[in-house]
Amino acid sequence: MKLVIDSNVLIAAFAVRGLCQALFEYCLENHEVVLCGEIIKEVKKNLRKKVKLPASLVADIVAYIRESTYIEKPLRVNGNVFGDKSDLTILGVAAASNSACLITGDKALLSLKKYGNTDIISPRSFWEAVIKRKENI
């Protein structure tokens, strides 16, 4: 399944060990993770400024992300669809890749619940669905 992971989830995956890290690893092993240049740029910026990781480590992380994911050019999204203009790009990536799922911690995006064919869910909701699926196998 194709899915998009928002920058806030990716940042958390590399900032601390926990749910987002496990989720990212699971997604890389079992799904097609689709990102865009803007998401990677946001991850790079925040790992340096907010998480305060050394530049060399951030460069390694960005290289790993680029090697492990698919990069898609976002479609243009009408600004009237969603109030937060900074999140239009991630919706455009989901639409361009026809992703089944967008995983985000962004409350505004989560309030949409769906954009086109893409379900918008929290990391916790995605993880709980994965666990349920494993239990039913």
Protein backbone atom coordinates (compact mmCIF):
# COMPACT_ATOMS: atom_id res chain seq x y z
CA MET A 1 0.00 0.00 0.00
CA LYS A 2 1.20 3.51 -0.76
CA LEU A 3 1.20 5.93 2.13
CA VAL A 4 2.48 9.40 2.96
CA ILE A 5 4.11 10.18 6.30
CA ASP A 6 4.03 13.80 7.43
CA SER A 7 7.20 15.57 8.53
CA ASN A 8 6.07 15.73 12.18
CA VAL A 9 5.94 11.93 12.33
CA LEU A 10 9.32 11.59 10.61
CA ILE A 11 10.93 14.09 12.97
CA ALA A 12 9.57 12.19 15.96
CA ALA A 13 10.86 8.93 14.45
CA PHE A 14 14.43 10.24 14.55
CA ALA A 15 14.17 12.39 17.69
CA VAL A 16 13.16 9.66 20.15
CA ARG A 17 12.69 5.93 20.27
CA GLY A 18 9.02 5.10 20.38
CA LEU A 19 5.84 4.75 18.38
CA CYS A 20 6.85 6.94 15.42
CA GLN A 21 10.19 5.20 15.05
CA ALA A 22 8.56 1.75 15.09
CA LEU A 23 5.84 2.93 12.73
CA PHE A 24 8.37 4.37 10.24
CA GLU A 25 10.42 1.16 10.25
CA TYR A 26 7.28 -0.94 9.80
CA CYS A 27 6.09 1.24 6.91
CA LEU A 28 9.45 1.04 5.14
CA GLU A 29 9.43 -2.76 5.40
CA ASN A 30 5.80 -3.33 4.45
CA HIS A 31 4.55 -0.42 2.34
CA GLU A 32 5.57 2.16 -0.24
CA VAL A 33 6.34 5.37 1.65
CA VAL A 34 5.85 8.44 -0.54
CA LEU A 35 7.30 11.86 0.32
CA CYS A 36 8.21 15.04 -1.51
CA GLY A 37 11.12 17.45 -1.39
CA GLU A 38 9.23 19.86 0.87
CA ILE A 39 8.61 17.17 3.51
CA ILE A 40 12.29 16.22 3.49
CA LYS A 41 13.31 19.88 3.72
CA GLU A 42 11.04 20.33 6.75
CA VAL A 43 12.51 17.23 8.43
CA LYS A 44 16.06 18.45 7.80
CA LYS A 45 15.35 21.93 9.15
CA ASN A 46 13.63 20.73 12.31
CA LEU A 47 16.10 17.98 13.15
CA ARG A 48 18.77 20.70 13.16
CA LYS A 49 16.87 23.58 14.80
CA LYS A 50 14.39 21.91 17.17
CA VAL A 51 15.98 18.55 17.91
CA LYS A 52 19.50 20.02 17.68
CA LEU A 53 21.10 17.04 15.99
CA PRO A 54 24.58 17.52 14.50
CA ALA A 55 24.63 18.47 10.81
CA SER A 56 26.47 15.28 9.85
CA LEU A 57 23.82 13.09 11.51
CA VAL A 58 21.02 15.06 9.88
CA ALA A 59 22.72 14.59 6.50
CA ASP A 60 22.87 10.83 7.11
CA ILE A 61 19.20 10.75 8.13
CA VAL A 62 18.13 12.72 5.05
CA ALA A 63 20.17 10.41 2.80
CA TYR A 64 18.54 7.37 4.45
CA ILE A 65 15.06 8.84 3.99
CA ARG A 66 15.73 9.63 0.32
CA GLU A 67 17.10 6.12 -0.34
CA SER A 68 14.23 4.39 1.47
CA THR A 69 11.21 6.27 0.12
CA TYR A 70 9.65 7.35 -3.14
CA ILE A 71 9.76 11.03 -4.00
CA GLU A 72 6.65 12.39 -5.70
CA LYS A 73 5.96 15.84 -7.09
CA PRO A 74 2.83 17.16 -5.34
CA LEU A 75 -0.25 18.08 -7.31
CA ARG A 76 -1.55 21.58 -6.84
CA VAL A 77 -4.31 21.69 -4.25
CA ASN A 78 -6.95 24.39 -4.31
CA GLY A 79 -6.37 26.68 -1.32
CA ASN A 80 -10.11 26.72 -0.61
CA VAL A 81 -10.01 23.02 0.24
CA PHE A 82 -8.05 23.54 3.43
CA GLY A 83 -7.33 26.59 5.56
CA ASP A 84 -3.69 25.90 6.44
CA LYS A 85 -1.74 26.75 3.28
CA SER A 86 1.44 25.11 4.60
CA ASP A 87 -0.30 21.71 4.56
CA LEU A 88 -1.50 21.89 0.96
CA THR A 89 1.75 20.30 -0.23
CA ILE A 90 1.25 17.13 1.79
CA LEU A 91 -2.30 16.80 0.49
CA GLY A 92 -0.87 17.28 -3.00
CA VAL A 93 1.63 14.44 -2.46
CA ALA A 94 -1.15 12.14 -1.25
CA ALA A 95 -3.24 12.99 -4.32
CA ALA A 96 -0.34 12.69 -6.79
CA SER A 97 0.67 9.27 -5.48
CA ASN A 98 -2.90 8.06 -4.97
CA SER A 99 -1.86 7.01 -1.47
CA ALA A 100 -4.30 5.02 0.63
CA CYS A 101 -3.21 6.74 3.81
CA LEU A 102 -1.64 9.93 5.14
CA ILE A 103 -0.13 9.52 8.61
CA THR A 104 0.15 12.78 10.53
CA GLY A 105 0.06 14.27 13.99
CA ASP A 106 -1.26 17.58 12.63
CA LYS A 107 -4.65 18.21 14.25
CA ALA A 108 -5.92 20.35 11.38
CA LEU A 109 -5.11 17.65 8.81
CA LEU A 110 -6.56 14.96 11.06
CA SER A 111 -9.83 16.90 11.22
CA LEU A 112 -10.24 16.37 7.45
CA LYS A 113 -10.28 12.56 7.98
CA LYS A 114 -10.09 12.02 4.22
CA TYR A 115 -8.79 13.83 1.16
CA GLY A 116 -9.83 12.29 -2.15
CA ASN A 117 -9.01 8.58 -1.86
CA THR A 118 -6.61 9.11 1.04
CA ASP A 119 -7.53 8.39 4.66
CA ILE A 120 -5.87 10.82 7.07
CA ILE A 121 -4.98 9.15 10.37
CA SER A 122 -2.79 9.61 13.41
CA PRO A 123 0.29 7.48 14.05
CA ARG A 124 -1.49 5.82 16.98
CA SER A 125 -4.56 4.92 14.88
CA PHE A 126 -2.38 3.49 12.11
CA TRP A 127 -0.35 1.47 14.61
CA GLU A 128 -3.45 0.11 16.33
CA ALA A 129 -4.80 -1.00 12.93
CA VAL A 130 -1.51 -2.78 12.24
CA ILE A 131 -1.65 -4.60 15.58
CA LYS A 132 -5.29 -5.65 14.99
CA ARG A 133 -4.38 -6.98 11.57
CA LYS A 134 -1.49 -9.02 13.02
CA GLU A 135 -3.75 -10.46 15.71
CA ASN A 136 -6.27 -11.59 13.08
CA ILE A 137 -3.68 -13.47 11.03
